Amino acid sequence: MDWLGVLRRIEAGESRVTEFKRGLGDLSGVGRAICAFANTEGGVIILGIGDSREIVGVREDAERVQERLTQFLQTGCSAPVSAECGRHEGPKGWVHWVETPRQRGFEPLRYSGRVWVRRERSNVEPSAVELQELYNAFGYILTEERTIQAATSAHIDLHAFRSYLHGLGLDMEDDPQLDNEDDLRNRGVTAELGGALYPTLYGVVAFGKEPQRYPQTRNFRVDCVAYGGEDRASEVLQVAEATGRLDEQVRRAVGWFLGLGRFESYAGLVREDRPLLPRAAVREALVNAVVHRDYAITGSKTLFEVFSGHVDVTSPGALPNHMSVESVRAGAHPRSRNESMANYMLVKGFMEQRGRGWPVMRKAMREFNGMEPEIVQDERNKYVRVTFRLDAH
């Protein structure tokens, strides 16, 4: 960035990508800003600017400022930061700037042992949801690999686990066989923490005897609600909780939906019964919702809501790993947030083929009533919603 670009930034004022400082000080403020910009969208820190956007100049020796900035970029954060430093001398003194692009590495950058992100004009520590999205973006850790320390290996249903291995095509009668502890750990069902083995989130929701019994997993279920009108202010007609393992949640939610009723139509004297929606479309939406939801959002449930004219399936969290609504509609290559859960549902027969969810829903709805399914993403409130229209031709 040249001096004219800096002047334009000064004139525009502080923003999500611009921050002003009078000077370096003890580097703490500058350090948080560099770390936050690097972890978010990138940005520019401009030194020598007052509270009212006036140029006041940095009093410290210009060469010394550049040395301190360069050294900080190499050693001040948890990893070196790629940034460009510049300076300009004017009537009021030197103005320095640091242009920091968005960084990508094995994990988010830390300053003083903490992760920082840019939120509007502030440098803050991310919320649990923001931190998980940040880790997902860096590809450092998956939520499904985290341990549930309220559970023990005894809470894993070994029969269900062995049945899954059999579904993978493994011969469970061959010798020698690994003992249960090693087998569970090697498959990511348990993980070691502090010298002890605990079930992972994946282990609990795929093979747990009671997946919703723990404080962290209590809301990992599908809440089913039928309303008498077109919004949540309408009368509630029927509610249910689809709990259990991932496949059980889908099976129970679909069963609840099929029990709500059917359309009746007549061709001459012959009555024809049709479901409210095609089972294939409903099942695909629910499978994607429970598999790809953001399990870092521990207080939210997957929602399956039936209104008088449409059905909504809402999954907590944004689309995983930078996917967009457009890429989903286009049938882009799938990028799972929870890879082990996706493979589990594939083996259990709830996913025909990775990446076919949207095409299956679209085809089923076109054949059913000629209407396209709809998908929206609310990045601020962190949810993805698929809508099916009930209007029949």
Protein backbone atom coordinates (compact mmCIF):
# COMPACT_ATOMS: atom_id res chain seq x y z
CA MET A 1 0.00 0.00 0.00
CA ASP A 2 1.35 3.45 -0.92
CA TRP A 3 0.91 6.76 0.89
CA LEU A 4 -2.14 7.76 -1.17
CA GLY A 5 -3.82 4.50 -0.17
CA VAL A 6 -3.03 5.25 3.47
CA LEU A 7 -4.52 8.75 3.16
CA ARG A 8 -7.73 7.27 1.76
CA ARG A 9 -7.91 4.89 4.72
CA ILE A 10 -7.40 7.77 7.16
CA GLU A 11 -10.14 9.79 5.48
CA ALA A 12 -12.56 6.84 5.60
CA GLY A 13 -11.93 6.23 9.31
CA GLU A 14 -11.57 3.07 11.35
CA SER A 15 -13.44 0.02 10.18
CA ARG A 16 -13.36 -3.76 10.12
CA VAL A 17 -10.17 -3.56 8.06
CA THR A 18 -8.54 -0.37 9.37
CA GLU A 19 -7.27 0.62 12.82
CA PHE A 20 -5.48 3.78 14.02
CA LYS A 21 -2.86 4.09 16.77
CA ARG A 22 -0.94 7.11 18.04
CA GLY A 23 2.20 5.04 18.49
CA LEU A 24 3.61 1.63 19.30
CA GLY A 25 3.47 1.91 23.07
CA ASP A 26 4.15 -1.48 24.66
CA LEU A 27 2.98 -3.18 21.44
CA SER A 28 0.00 -4.84 23.17
CA GLY A 29 -2.62 -2.92 21.18
CA VAL A 30 -0.72 -3.32 17.95
CA GLY A 31 -0.16 -7.00 18.69
CA ARG A 32 -3.88 -7.71 19.21
CA ALA A 33 -4.75 -5.84 16.01
CA ILE A 34 -2.18 -7.68 13.88
CA CYS A 35 -3.32 -11.03 15.27
CA ALA A 36 -7.01 -10.16 14.75
CA PHE A 37 -6.51 -8.96 11.18
CA ALA A 38 -4.45 -12.04 10.34
CA ASN A 39 -7.15 -14.37 11.69
CA THR A 40 -10.07 -12.57 10.05
CA GLU A 41 -10.09 -10.68 6.74
CA GLY A 42 -6.76 -8.88 6.92
CA GLY A 43 -6.37 -5.14 7.50
CA VAL A 44 -4.11 -2.14 7.96
CA ILE A 45 -2.84 -0.63 11.22
CA ILE A 46 -1.80 3.02 10.83
CA LEU A 47 0.44 4.58 13.48
CA GLY A 48 0.61 8.31 14.14
CA ILE A 49 -3.13 9.04 13.92
CA GLY A 50 -5.15 10.77 16.65
CA ASP A 51 -8.66 10.16 17.90
CA SER A 52 -10.20 12.56 15.37
CA ARG A 53 -8.34 11.07 12.40
CA GLU A 54 -5.75 13.86 12.51
CA ILE A 55 -2.13 13.05 11.73
CA VAL A 56 -0.09 13.53 14.91
CA GLY A 57 3.03 11.62 13.94
CA VAL A 58 4.96 8.98 15.86
CA ARG A 59 7.54 10.50 18.20
CA GLU A 60 9.78 7.44 18.40
CA ASP A 61 12.77 7.22 16.04
CA ALA A 62 11.53 5.99 12.64
CA GLU A 63 14.22 3.34 12.25
CA ARG A 64 13.55 2.04 15.73
CA VAL A 65 9.80 1.78 15.00
CA GLN A 66 10.48 -0.23 11.85
CA GLU A 67 12.83 -2.55 13.75
CA ARG A 68 10.28 -3.16 16.50
CA LEU A 69 7.52 -3.86 13.98
CA THR A 70 9.69 -6.21 11.94
CA GLN A 71 10.76 -8.11 15.03
CA PHE A 72 7.19 -8.39 16.25
CA LEU A 73 6.01 -9.80 12.93
CA GLN A 74 8.61 -12.54 13.26
CA THR A 75 8.27 -13.43 16.94
CA GLY A 76 5.32 -11.57 18.51
CA CYS A 77 2.59 -14.09 17.63
CA SER A 78 2.45 -17.85 17.78
CA ALA A 79 3.82 -17.99 14.22
CA PRO A 80 5.51 -15.44 11.92
CA VAL A 81 3.08 -13.02 10.27
CA SER A 82 3.38 -12.14 6.59
CA ALA A 83 2.84 -8.38 6.44
CA GLU A 84 4.22 -5.30 4.70
CA CYS A 85 5.44 -2.27 6.62
CA GLY A 86 5.57 1.26 5.23
CA ARG A 87 6.26 4.80 6.44
CA HIS A 88 5.93 8.40 5.33
CA GLU A 89 7.32 11.62 6.80
CA GLY A 90 5.08 14.65 6.80
CA PRO A 91 4.91 18.05 8.52
CA LYS A 92 3.64 16.45 11.75
CA GLY A 93 6.19 13.62 11.77
CA TRP A 94 6.33 10.01 10.68
CA VAL A 95 3.29 7.88 9.89
CA HIS A 96 3.88 4.11 9.87
CA TRP A 97 1.57 1.38 8.67
CA VAL A 98 1.41 -2.40 8.72
CA GLU A 99 -0.66 -4.10 6.01
CA THR A 100 -1.59 -7.57 7.25
CA PRO A 101 -3.27 -10.06 4.89
CA ARG A 102 -5.44 -12.92 6.06
CA GLN A 103 -3.20 -15.77 7.21
CA ARG A 104 -3.62 -19.49 6.71
CA GLY A 105 -1.64 -22.11 8.58
CA PHE A 106 -2.18 -25.14 10.77
CA GLU A 107 -4.12 -23.19 13.38
CA PRO A 108 -5.26 -19.61 14.13
CA LEU A 109 -2.62 -17.16 15.29
CA ARG A 110 -2.34 -16.31 18.95
CA TYR A 111 -1.02 -13.23 20.70
CA SER A 112 -0.17 -13.48 24.40
CA GLY A 113 -1.48 -17.03 24.31
CA ARG A 114 -4.96 -16.03 23.08
CA VAL A 115 -6.74 -16.04 19.75
CA TRP A 116 -7.98 -12.65 18.53
CA VAL A 117 -10.42 -11.77 15.74
CA ARG A 118 -11.69 -8.54 14.25
CA ARG A 119 -15.32 -7.70 14.97
CA GLU A 120 -16.40 -4.39 13.42
CA ARG A 121 -13.84 -1.89 14.83
CA SER A 122 -12.73 -3.98 17.80
CA ASN A 123 -10.21 -6.74 18.40
CA VAL A 124 -11.86 -9.37 20.56
CA GLU A 125 -11.54 -12.98 21.59
CA PRO A 126 -13.90 -15.13 19.52
CA SER A 127 -17.01 -16.74 20.93
CA ALA A 128 -17.18 -20.54 21.05
CA VAL A 129 -19.02 -20.59 17.72
CA GLU A 130 -16.59 -18.15 16.07
CA LEU A 131 -13.62 -20.10 17.40
CA GLN A 132 -14.95 -23.35 16.01
CA GLU A 133 -15.55 -21.76 12.61
CA LEU A 134 -12.02 -20.38 12.75
CA TYR A 135 -10.56 -23.79 13.53
CA ASN A 136 -12.65 -25.33 10.77
CA ALA A 137 -11.35 -22.72 8.33
CA PHE A 138 -7.77 -23.49 9.29
CA GLY A 139 -8.49 -27.22 9.18
CA TYR A 140 -6.73 -27.75 12.50
CA ILE A 141 -9.30 -29.68 14.51
CA LEU A 142 -12.75 -31.12 13.95
CA THR A 143 -15.46 -30.77 16.55
CA GLU A 144 -16.32 -34.45 16.25
CA GLU A 145 -12.86 -35.37 17.56
CA ARG A 146 -13.32 -33.57 20.87
CA THR A 147 -13.75 -35.76 23.93
CA ILE A 148 -16.89 -35.89 26.07
CA GLN A 149 -15.36 -36.17 29.51
CA ALA A 150 -18.69 -36.87 31.22
CA ALA A 151 -18.76 -40.20 29.35
CA THR A 152 -16.60 -43.32 29.62
CA SER A 153 -15.77 -46.16 27.26
CA ALA A 154 -18.43 -48.22 29.04
CA HIS A 155 -21.05 -45.91 27.55
CA ILE A 156 -20.16 -47.06 24.02
CA ASP A 157 -22.38 -49.81 22.59
CA LEU A 158 -19.82 -52.35 21.36
CA HIS A 159 -22.46 -54.31 19.45
CA ALA A 160 -23.34 -51.18 17.44
CA PHE A 161 -19.64 -50.50 16.86
CA ARG A 162 -18.99 -54.04 15.63
CA SER A 163 -22.03 -53.85 13.37
CA TYR A 164 -20.58 -50.68 11.83
CA LEU A 165 -17.22 -52.36 11.23
CA HIS A 166 -19.04 -55.24 9.56
CA GLY A 167 -20.76 -52.69 7.32
CA LEU A 168 -17.30 -51.47 6.29
CA GLY A 169 -16.62 -54.97 5.00
CA LEU A 170 -14.22 -55.97 7.77
CA ASP A 171 -14.13 -59.65 8.75
CA MET A 172 -14.66 -59.60 12.49
CA GLU A 173 -13.81 -63.30 12.80
CA ASP A 174 -10.25 -63.03 11.53
CA ASP A 175 -7.42 -63.44 14.01
CA PRO A 176 -5.68 -61.68 15.51
CA GLN A 177 -8.20 -59.03 16.54
CA LEU A 178 -7.36 -55.77 18.31
CA ASP A 179 -8.73 -55.46 21.80
CA ASN A 180 -11.72 -53.18 22.21
CA GLU A 181 -9.73 -50.28 23.68
CA ASP A 182 -7.31 -50.13 20.75
CA ASP A 183 -10.06 -50.64 18.19
CA LEU A 184 -12.17 -47.80 19.58
CA ARG A 185 -9.20 -45.46 19.73
CA ASN A 186 -7.97 -46.30 16.23
CA ARG A 187 -11.43 -45.61 14.79
CA GLY A 188 -11.75 -42.23 16.51
CA VAL A 189 -14.54 -43.43 18.81
CA THR A 190 -12.38 -42.65 21.85
CA ALA A 191 -9.38 -40.39 22.35
CA GLU A 192 -6.77 -39.97 25.06
CA LEU A 193 -6.82 -36.91 27.28
CA GLY A 194 -4.64 -36.54 30.34
CA GLY A 195 -3.66 -40.20 30.24
CA ALA A 196 -7.27 -41.46 30.17
CA LEU A 197 -9.55 -42.54 27.33
CA TYR A 198 -12.86 -40.75 26.76
CA PRO A 199 -15.46 -41.14 24.02
CA THR A 200 -15.27 -38.49 21.32
CA LEU A 201 -18.33 -36.56 20.20
CA TYR A 202 -18.38 -38.80 17.13
CA GLY A 203 -18.23 -41.88 19.34
CA VAL A 204 -21.14 -40.70 21.49
CA VAL A 205 -23.53 -39.70 18.68
CA ALA A 206 -22.70 -42.72 16.50
CA PHE A 207 -22.27 -45.52 19.07
CA GLY A 208 -23.34 -44.14 22.45
CA LYS A 209 -25.86 -46.08 24.51
CA GLU A 210 -27.59 -42.82 25.50
CA PRO A 211 -26.21 -40.03 23.28
CA GLN A 212 -28.24 -37.22 24.88
CA ARG A 213 -27.48 -38.04 28.52
CA TYR A 214 -24.48 -35.68 28.89
CA PRO A 215 -24.56 -31.89 29.45
CA GLN A 216 -22.61 -31.23 26.24
CA THR A 217 -24.83 -33.45 24.07
CA ARG A 218 -28.28 -32.90 25.58
CA ASN A 219 -29.45 -30.76 22.66
CA PHE A 220 -27.93 -32.87 19.89
CA ARG A 221 -31.31 -34.10 18.67
CA VAL A 222 -34.06 -33.21 16.21
CA ASP A 223 -36.97 -31.20 17.61
CA CYS A 224 -40.13 -31.90 15.58
CA VAL A 225 -43.01 -29.41 15.64
CA ALA A 226 -46.22 -29.21 13.61
CA TYR A 227 -48.04 -25.85 13.53
CA GLY A 228 -51.59 -24.99 12.51
CA GLY A 229 -50.52 -21.97 10.46
CA GLU A 230 -47.66 -20.47 8.47
CA ASP A 231 -45.38 -19.29 11.28
CA ARG A 232 -44.25 -20.10 14.82
CA ALA A 233 -46.91 -17.82 16.28
CA SER A 234 -49.51 -20.34 15.08
CA GLU A 235 -51.07 -23.00 17.27
CA VAL A 236 -48.78 -25.92 18.02
CA LEU A 237 -50.51 -29.11 16.94
CA GLN A 238 -47.91 -31.76 17.69
CA VAL A 239 -44.37 -31.97 19.06
CA ALA A 240 -41.80 -34.71 19.40
CA GLU A 241 -38.10 -35.17 20.11
CA ALA A 242 -36.14 -37.43 17.77
CA THR A 243 -33.27 -38.59 19.99
CA GLY A 244 -30.71 -41.39 19.89
CA ARG A 245 -27.81 -41.95 17.55
CA LEU A 246 -27.52 -40.08 14.27
CA ASP A 247 -29.36 -42.70 12.22
CA GLU A 248 -31.99 -43.15 14.93
CA GLN A 249 -32.68 -39.41 14.99
CA VAL A 250 -33.35 -39.40 11.25
CA ARG A 251 -35.46 -42.55 11.35
CA ARG A 252 -37.60 -41.27 14.24
CA ALA A 253 -38.05 -37.80 12.72
CA VAL A 254 -39.14 -39.28 9.38
CA GLY A 255 -41.51 -41.65 11.17
CA TRP A 256 -43.06 -38.76 13.09
CA PHE A 257 -43.55 -36.82 9.87
CA LEU A 258 -45.16 -39.72 8.02
CA GLY A 259 -47.64 -40.06 10.89
CA LEU A 260 -48.92 -36.50 10.49
CA GLY A 261 -51.23 -37.32 7.60
CA ARG A 262 -51.55 -37.62 3.84
CA PHE A 263 -53.14 -35.84 0.89
CA GLU A 264 -56.28 -37.42 -0.56
CA SER A 265 -57.11 -37.06 -4.24
CA TYR A 266 -59.49 -38.84 -6.60
CA ALA A 267 -59.06 -40.03 -10.18
CA GLY A 268 -62.63 -40.94 -11.12
CA LEU A 269 -63.91 -43.21 -8.37
CA VAL A 270 -60.45 -44.24 -7.20
CA ARG A 271 -58.95 -42.53 -4.16
CA GLU A 272 -55.21 -41.92 -4.16
CA ASP A 273 -53.26 -41.22 -0.96
CA ARG A 274 -50.05 -39.24 -1.15
CA PRO A 275 -47.66 -38.26 1.66
CA LEU A 276 -47.25 -34.59 2.49
CA LEU A 277 -43.76 -34.75 0.96
CA PRO A 278 -41.67 -37.46 -0.67
CA ARG A 279 -39.82 -39.50 1.91
CA ALA A 280 -36.53 -39.29 -0.04
CA ALA A 281 -36.48 -35.48 0.10
CA VAL A 282 -37.32 -35.33 3.81
CA ARG A 283 -34.75 -37.96 4.69
CA GLU A 284 -31.95 -36.28 2.72
CA ALA A 285 -32.66 -32.92 4.36
CA LEU A 286 -32.60 -34.45 7.84
CA VAL A 287 -29.46 -36.49 7.16
CA ASN A 288 -27.61 -33.41 5.97
CA ALA A 289 -28.89 -31.40 8.93
CA VAL A 290 -27.67 -33.83 11.60
CA VAL A 291 -24.41 -34.71 9.85
CA HIS A 292 -23.24 -31.26 8.78
CA ARG A 293 -24.54 -29.18 11.70
CA ASP A 294 -22.03 -27.24 13.80
CA TYR A 295 -21.74 -29.26 16.99
CA ALA A 296 -19.79 -26.45 18.63
CA ILE A 297 -23.17 -24.70 19.05
CA THR A 298 -24.14 -26.79 22.04
CA GLY A 299 -27.38 -25.00 22.94
CA SER A 300 -29.15 -25.43 19.60
CA LYS A 301 -31.12 -28.35 18.18
CA THR A 302 -31.80 -29.41 14.63
CA LEU A 303 -35.35 -28.21 13.89
CA PHE A 304 -37.92 -30.09 11.80
CA GLU A 305 -40.95 -27.79 11.50
CA VAL A 306 -44.16 -28.45 9.60
CA PHE A 307 -46.37 -25.48 8.75
CA SER A 308 -49.66 -25.35 6.86
CA GLY A 309 -47.96 -24.62 3.54
CA HIS A 310 -44.32 -25.58 3.92
CA VAL A 311 -41.79 -27.64 5.84
CA ASP A 312 -38.49 -26.29 7.23
CA VAL A 313 -35.41 -28.29 8.24
CA THR A 314 -32.97 -26.01 10.10
CA SER A 315 -29.40 -26.97 10.96
CA PRO A 316 -27.29 -24.97 13.46
CA GLY A 317 -24.19 -23.37 11.99
CA ALA A 318 -23.11 -22.01 8.65
CA LEU A 319 -22.32 -24.19 5.65
CA PRO A 320 -19.05 -26.03 6.31
CA ASN A 321 -15.62 -25.03 5.07
CA HIS A 322 -16.51 -22.02 2.93
CA MET A 323 -19.27 -23.70 0.93
CA SER A 324 -21.94 -21.32 -0.33
CA VAL A 325 -25.65 -21.66 -1.09
CA GLU A 326 -24.76 -21.36 -4.78
CA SER A 327 -22.22 -24.20 -4.60
CA VAL A 328 -24.75 -26.44 -2.84
CA ARG A 329 -27.35 -25.78 -5.55
CA ALA A 330 -24.74 -26.46 -8.20
CA GLY A 331 -23.94 -29.85 -6.69
CA ALA A 332 -20.36 -28.93 -5.76
CA HIS A 333 -17.98 -31.49 -4.29
CA PRO A 334 -19.00 -32.03 -0.65
CA ARG A 335 -16.83 -30.69 2.15
CA SER A 336 -17.95 -32.18 5.43
CA ARG A 337 -17.49 -30.43 8.74
CA ASN A 338 -17.88 -33.82 10.45
CA GLU A 339 -16.17 -36.35 8.20
CA SER A 340 -16.50 -39.39 10.48
CA MET A 341 -20.22 -38.76 11.02
CA ALA A 342 -20.74 -38.46 7.26
CA ASN A 343 -18.94 -41.75 6.64
CA TYR A 344 -20.97 -43.40 9.41
CA MET A 345 -24.26 -42.39 7.79
CA LEU A 346 -22.98 -43.53 4.40
CA VAL A 347 -22.17 -46.99 5.77
CA LYS A 348 -25.55 -47.13 7.56
CA GLY A 349 -27.29 -46.57 4.23
CA PHE A 350 -28.70 -43.12 4.98
CA MET A 351 -26.61 -41.42 2.31
CA GLU A 352 -26.62 -42.90 -1.18
CA GLN A 353 -23.48 -41.14 -2.31
CA ARG A 354 -21.52 -38.18 -0.99
CA GLY A 355 -22.60 -34.95 -2.63
CA ARG A 356 -25.97 -36.24 -3.90
CA GLY A 357 -28.16 -34.74 -1.18
CA TRP A 358 -29.35 -31.65 -3.05
CA PRO A 359 -29.85 -33.42 -6.41
CA VAL A 360 -31.91 -36.12 -4.67
CA MET A 361 -34.13 -33.54 -2.93
CA ARG A 362 -34.54 -31.54 -6.12
CA LYS A 363 -35.48 -34.56 -8.24
CA ALA A 364 -37.91 -35.90 -5.62
CA MET A 365 -39.70 -32.56 -5.29
CA ARG A 366 -39.92 -31.99 -9.03
CA GLU A 367 -41.55 -35.36 -9.50
CA PHE A 368 -43.81 -34.85 -6.47
CA ASN A 369 -45.29 -31.39 -7.03
CA GLY A 370 -43.03 -29.61 -9.52
CA MET A 371 -41.65 -27.24 -6.87
CA GLU A 372 -37.97 -26.64 -6.13
CA PRO A 373 -36.59 -27.01 -2.61
CA GLU A 374 -35.17 -23.79 -1.20
CA ILE A 375 -32.03 -23.22 0.86
CA VAL A 376 -30.91 -20.15 2.81
CA GLN A 377 -27.95 -19.45 5.05
CA ASP A 378 -28.02 -16.91 7.86
CA GLU A 379 -24.35 -16.27 8.65
CA ARG A 380 -25.10 -13.86 11.49
CA ASN A 381 -27.47 -16.15 13.39
CA LYS A 382 -25.57 -19.27 12.29
CA TYR A 383 -28.08 -21.55 10.67
CA VAL A 384 -28.83 -23.21 7.34
CA ARG A 385 -32.47 -23.86 6.40
CA VAL A 386 -33.99 -26.04 3.69
CA THR A 387 -37.64 -25.37 2.83
CA PHE A 388 -40.10 -27.61 0.98
CA ARG A 389 -43.37 -26.19 -0.31
CA LEU A 390 -46.50 -28.31 0.28
CA ASP A 391 -48.55 -26.75 -2.52
CA ALA A 392 -49.54 -29.63 -4.78
CA HIS A 393 -50.54 -29.40 -8.42
